[in-house]
C-alpha atoms as a PDB file:
ATOM      1  CA  MET A   1     135.370 201.963  43.964  1.00  0.00           C
ATOM      2  CA  ARG A   2     137.787 199.147  45.677  1.00  0.00           C
ATOM      3  CA  GLY A   3     135.247 197.347  46.481  1.00  0.00           C
ATOM      4  CA  THR A   4     133.098 197.334  43.182  1.00  0.00           C
ATOM      5  CA  VAL A   5     135.905 196.502  41.438  1.00  0.00           C
ATOM      6  CA  PHE A   6     137.268 193.460  44.110  1.00  0.00           C
ATOM      7  CA  TYR A   7     133.768 192.122  43.876  1.00  0.00           C
ATOM      8  CA  ALA A   8     133.335 192.597  40.197  1.00  0.00           C
ATOM      9  CA  LEU A   9     137.145 190.134  40.098  1.00  0.00           C
ATOM     10  CA  LEU A  10     135.711 187.251  42.806  1.00  0.00           C
ATOM     11  CA  LEU A  11     132.608 186.859  40.685  1.00  0.00           C
ATOM     12  CA  ALA A  12     134.977 186.558  37.544  1.00  0.00           C
ATOM     13  CA  VAL A  13     136.917 184.042  39.084  1.00  0.00           C
ATOM     14  CA  GLY A  14     134.039 182.214  41.043  1.00  0.00           C
ATOM     15  CA  ILE A  15     132.052 181.480  37.824  1.00  0.00           C
ATOM     16  CA  LEU A  16     135.896 180.500  35.913  1.00  0.00           C
ATOM     17  CA  ALA A  17     136.166 178.566  39.093  1.00  0.00           C
ATOM     18  CA  SER A  18     132.831 176.702  39.093  1.00  0.00           C
ATOM     19  CA  GLY A  19     132.384 174.717  36.239  1.00  0.00           C
ATOM     20  CA  CYS A  20     136.793 173.532  36.821  1.00  0.00           C
ATOM     21  CA  GLY A  21     135.203 170.272  39.438  1.00  0.00           C
ATOM     22  CA  ALA A  22     133.498 172.139  42.382  1.00  0.00           C
ATOM     23  CA  PRO A  23     131.253 169.777  43.956  1.00  0.00           C
ATOM     24  CA  GLU A  24     127.651 169.364  42.571  1.00  0.00           C
ATOM     25  CA  PRO A  25     124.830 170.419  45.440  1.00  0.00           C
ATOM     26  CA  PRO A  26     122.482 168.043  45.990  1.00  0.00           C
ATOM     27  CA  MET A  27     119.133 168.121  44.154  1.00  0.00           C
ATOM     28  CA  ALA A  28     116.247 169.111  46.364  1.00  0.00           C
ATOM     29  CA  CYS A  29     112.700 167.115  45.545  1.00  0.00           C
ATOM     30  CA  PHE A  30     109.617 167.131  47.874  1.00  0.00           C
ATOM     31  CA  ASP A  31     105.602 166.026  47.853  1.00  0.00           C
ATOM     32  CA  GLY A  32     104.369 168.073  50.480  1.00  0.00           C
ATOM     33  CA  GLU A  33     105.289 171.469  51.445  1.00  0.00           C
ATOM     34  CA  ILE A  34     107.926 173.086  52.590  1.00  0.00           C
ATOM     35  CA  PRO A  35     107.156 175.789  55.225  1.00  0.00           C
ATOM     36  CA  ASP A  36     107.569 179.717  55.141  1.00  0.00           C
ATOM     37  CA  TRP A  37     108.028 178.893  50.746  1.00  0.00           C
ATOM     38  CA  ASP A  38     106.694 181.466  48.937  1.00  0.00           C
ATOM     39  CA  TRP A  39     103.838 179.584  46.890  1.00  0.00           C
ATOM     40  CA  GLN A  40     102.319 183.259  44.909  1.00  0.00           C
ATOM     41  CA  ALA A  41     105.755 182.961  43.361  1.00  0.00           C
ATOM     42  CA  ALA A  42     105.504 179.438  42.518  1.00  0.00           C
ATOM     43  CA  ARG A  43     102.115 179.874  40.888  1.00  0.00           C
ATOM     44  CA  HIS A  44     104.101 182.224  37.998  1.00  0.00           C
ATOM     45  CA  PRO A  45     104.731 180.791  34.927  1.00  0.00           C
ATOM     46  CA  GLY A  46     108.383 179.827  34.618  1.00  0.00           C
ATOM     47  CA  HIS A  47     108.758 179.008  38.535  1.00  0.00           C
ATOM     48  CA  PRO A  48     110.893 176.187  37.778  1.00  0.00           C
ATOM     49  CA  GLY A  49     109.522 173.147  39.530  1.00  0.00           C
ATOM     50  CA  PHE A  50     110.722 169.827  41.621  1.00  0.00           C
ATOM     51  CA  GLU A  51     109.462 167.261  39.682  1.00  0.00           C
ATOM     52  CA  TYR A  52     113.024 166.967  37.675  1.00  0.00           C
ATOM     53  CA  CYS A  53     114.448 163.682  39.213  1.00  0.00           C
ATOM     54  CA  GLU A  54     112.869 161.448  36.375  1.00  0.00           C
ATOM     55  CA  ARG A  55     114.888 163.016  34.355  1.00  0.00           C
ATOM     56  CA  PHE A  56     118.053 161.976  35.394  1.00  0.00           C
ATOM     57  CA  ASP A  57     116.978 158.738  36.011  1.00  0.00           C
ATOM     58  CA  LEU A  58     116.482 159.351  40.382  1.00  0.00           C
ATOM     59  CA  VAL A  59     113.753 159.110  42.029  1.00  0.00           C
ATOM     60  CA  CYS A  60     112.935 161.603  44.666  1.00  0.00           C
ATOM     61  CA  ASN A  61     114.050 159.813  47.895  1.00  0.00           C
ATOM     62  CA  GLU A  62     112.176 161.918  51.138  1.00  0.00           C
ATOM     63  CA  ALA A  63     114.174 159.088  53.474  1.00  0.00           C
ATOM     64  CA  VAL A  64     117.586 160.858  52.141  1.00  0.00           C
ATOM     65  CA  THR A  65     117.212 164.311  53.466  1.00  0.00           C
ATOM     66  CA  LEU A  66     119.368 167.796  52.297  1.00  0.00           C
ATOM     67  CA  ALA A  67     120.390 167.692  56.413  1.00  0.00           C
ATOM     68  CA  ASP A  68     121.629 164.089  55.817  1.00  0.00           C
ATOM     69  CA  GLU A  69     123.526 165.420  52.398  1.00  0.00           C
ATOM     70  CA  CYS A  70     124.466 169.012  53.574  1.00  0.00           C
ATOM     71  CA  PRO A  71     127.465 168.593  56.276  1.00  0.00           C
ATOM     72  CA  ALA A  72     129.419 166.134  53.025  1.00  0.00           C
ATOM     73  CA  PHE A  73     128.578 168.609  50.628  1.00  0.00           C
ATOM     74  CA  LEU A  74     129.832 171.238  52.773  1.00  0.00           C
ATOM     75  CA  SER A  75     133.440 169.777  53.588  1.00  0.00           C
ATOM     76  CA  GLU A  76     133.414 168.821  50.288  1.00  0.00           C
ATOM     77  CA  LEU A  77     132.806 172.268  49.307  1.00  0.00           C
ATOM     78  CA  VAL A  78     135.348 173.801  51.809  1.00  0.00           C
ATOM     79  CA  ALA A  79     137.691 171.576  50.615  1.00  0.00           C
ATOM     80  CA  PHE A  80     137.525 173.132  46.836  1.00  0.00           C
ATOM     81  CA  VAL A  81     137.858 176.425  48.418  1.00  0.00           C
ATOM     82  CA  GLU A  82     140.957 175.756  49.683  1.00  0.00           C
ATOM     83  CA  GLU A  83     142.837 173.705  47.228  1.00  0.00           C
ATOM     84  CA  ASP A  84     141.229 175.256  44.269  1.00  0.00           C
ATOM     85  CA  VAL A  85     139.820 178.389  44.385  1.00  0.00           C
ATOM     86  CA  PHE A  86     142.198 180.405  47.079  1.00  0.00           C
ATOM     87  CA  PRO A  87     145.061 179.376  45.776  1.00  0.00           C
ATOM     88  CA  MET A  88     144.046 181.028  42.145  1.00  0.00           C
ATOM     89  CA  ILE A  89     142.534 184.185  43.601  1.00  0.00           C
ATOM     90  CA  SER A  90     146.295 184.886  44.970  1.00  0.00           C
ATOM     91  CA  ARG A  91     147.674 183.941  42.489  1.00  0.00           C
ATOM     92  CA  TYR A  92     145.583 186.828  40.423  1.00  0.00           C
ATOM     93  CA  LEU A  93     144.958 189.160  43.257  1.00  0.00           C
ATOM     94  CA  GLY A  94     147.620 189.127  45.337  1.00  0.00           C
ATOM     95  CA  PHE A  95     148.525 192.553  44.010  1.00  0.00           C
ATOM     96  CA  LEU A  96     146.384 194.655  45.509  1.00  0.00           C
ATOM     97  CA  PRO A  97     148.138 195.803  49.032  1.00  0.00           C
ATOM     98  CA  TRP A  98     144.329 196.211  50.419  1.00  0.00           C
ATOM     99  CA  LEU A  99     143.249 192.530  49.747  1.00  0.00           C
ATOM    100  CA  ASP A 100     144.378 190.780  52.561  1.00  0.00           C
ATOM    101  CA  VAL A 101     143.520 186.873  50.752  1.00  0.00           C
ATOM    102  CA  ASP A 102     144.210 184.559  54.399  1.00  0.00           C
ATOM    103  CA  GLU A 103     141.204 186.983  56.524  1.00  0.00           C
ATOM    104  CA  MET A 104     138.798 186.276  53.715  1.00  0.00           C
ATOM    105  CA  LEU A 105     139.660 182.710  53.374  1.00  0.00           C
ATOM    106  CA  SER A 106     139.259 182.204  57.815  1.00  0.00           C
ATOM    107  CA  TRP A 107     136.088 184.381  57.105  1.00  0.00           C
ATOM    108  CA  ILE A 108     134.259 182.542  53.766  1.00  0.00           C
ATOM    109  CA  LEU A 109     135.102 179.300  55.869  1.00  0.00           C
ATOM    110  CA  ASP A 110     133.881 180.671  58.978  1.00  0.00           C
ATOM    111  CA  THR A 111     130.596 181.453  57.399  1.00  0.00           C
ATOM    112  CA  LEU A 112     130.506 177.828  55.675  1.00  0.00           C
ATOM    113  CA  GLN A 113     131.371 175.923  58.750  1.00  0.00           C
ATOM    114  CA  GLY A 114     127.982 176.427  60.436  1.00  0.00           C
ATOM    115  CA  ALA A 115     125.641 176.945  57.437  1.00  0.00           C
ATOM    116  CA  CYS A 116     123.465 173.685  57.089  1.00  0.00           C
ATOM    117  CA  GLY A 117     122.276 174.571  60.879  1.00  0.00           C
ATOM    118  CA  TYR A 118     121.125 177.922  59.648  1.00  0.00           C
ATOM    119  CA  VAL A 119     118.094 176.871  57.786  1.00  0.00           C
ATOM    120  CA  GLY A 120     115.897 175.319  60.008  1.00  0.00           C
ATOM    121  CA  PHE A 121     113.547 172.608  57.361  1.00  0.00           C
ATOM    122  CA  LEU A 122     116.428 170.484  55.590  1.00  0.00           C
ATOM    123  CA  ASP A 123     115.364 167.756  57.333  1.00  0.00           C
ATOM    124  CA  GLN A 124     112.369 168.061  55.803  1.00  0.00           C
ATOM    125  CA  ILE A 125     113.008 168.067  51.873  1.00  0.00           C
ATOM    126  CA  GLY A 126     113.881 164.882  50.267  1.00  0.00           C
ATOM    127  CA  THR A 127     116.782 164.652  47.637  1.00  0.00           C
ATOM    128  CA  CYS A 128     116.940 163.138  44.195  1.00  0.00           C
ATOM    129  CA  GLN A 129     118.866 159.993  44.534  1.00  0.00           C
ATOM    130  CA  PRO A 130     119.355 156.462  42.284  1.00  0.00           C
ATOM    131  CA  PRO A 131     116.959 154.380  43.107  1.00  0.00           C
ATOM    132  CA  GLY A 132     117.776 152.602  46.304  1.00  0.00           C
ATOM    133  CA  GLU A 133     118.973 148.867  46.880  1.00  0.00           C
ATOM    134  CA  ALA A 134     118.963 146.203  49.946  1.00  0.00           C
ATOM    135  CA  GLY A 135     119.549 147.672  52.336  1.00  0.00           C
ATOM    136  CA  ASP A 136     119.667 151.680  51.417  1.00  0.00           C
ATOM    137  CA  PRO A 137     117.092 154.229  53.448  1.00  0.00           C
ATOM    138  CA  CYS A 138     113.677 154.520  51.402  1.00  0.00           C
ATOM    139  CA  ALA A 139     110.395 156.323  52.757  1.00  0.00           C
ATOM    140  CA  GLU A 140     108.560 154.592  49.822  1.00  0.00           C
ATOM    141  CA  ASP A 141     108.631 151.818  47.766  1.00  0.00           C
ATOM    142  CA  GLN A 142     109.107 153.410  44.732  1.00  0.00           C
ATOM    143  CA  ASP A 143     112.585 154.820  46.398  1.00  0.00           C
ATOM    144  CA  CYS A 144     113.947 151.669  46.506  1.00  0.00           C
ATOM    145  CA  LEU A 145     114.686 149.661  43.393  1.00  0.00           C
ATOM    146  CA  GLU A 146     112.141 146.823  41.757  1.00  0.00           C
ATOM    147  CA  ALA A 147     114.030 143.703  43.405  1.00  0.00           C
ATOM    148  CA  PHE A 148     112.999 145.187  46.327  1.00  0.00           C
ATOM    149  CA  LEU A 149     109.551 146.199  48.874  1.00  0.00           C
ATOM    150  CA  CYS A 150     110.710 149.762  51.597  1.00  0.00           C
ATOM    151  CA  VAL A 151     110.296 147.940  55.068  1.00  0.00           C
ATOM    152  CA  ASP A 152     111.088 150.230  58.025  1.00  0.00           C
ATOM    153  CA  GLN A 153     112.633 152.723  55.983  1.00  0.00           C
ATOM    154  CA  VAL A 154     114.976 150.415  54.454  1.00  0.00           C
ATOM    155  CA  CYS A 155     115.279 148.936  50.962  1.00  0.00           C
ATOM    156  CA  GLY A 156     115.212 144.661  51.197  1.00  0.00           C
ATOM    157  CA  GLY A 157     111.992 143.409  51.630  1.00  0.00           C
ATOM    158  CA  GLU A 158     111.201 141.487  48.424  1.00  0.00           C
ATOM    159  CA  PRO A 159     107.808 142.111  46.529  1.00  0.00           C
ATOM    160  CA  ALA A 160     105.084 139.426  47.083  1.00  0.00           C
ATOM    161  CA  PRO A 161     104.890 136.374  43.708  1.00  0.00           C
ATOM    162  CA  LEU A 162     102.484 137.668  40.762  1.00  0.00           C
END
């Protein structure tokens, strides 16, 4: 009973906190196939695809992978949890004698610290990025602004005159 109440309260606080300054995770995209992906489920109607970068005026840049973006996102998430979520949980749930907020915080933070290494294929999935300027990483010419070409996986080569 206590576990059910605790998880319901934690879910409610998490939902409330998620709209208040939580860091946004990187948007994943890919052109090829992901290993271990359940392709049968992906064929069902209504299953989300990965062709949404264009809706946000971004490009699918496979040179900037989820493995590259994951550590920065997790450090922002850990800071958000420490500074915003747990003070709120401590304030509203501190009256529960069986709840040790400090122990819960340390468990969650320990779990988050190595989360980027748990998934082996993060380096095979690109992220939605704004078109790159000179010096930005790229995998193909479409990853760069129209004024640049992708040369040696860096935006910067100028297109040939027409």
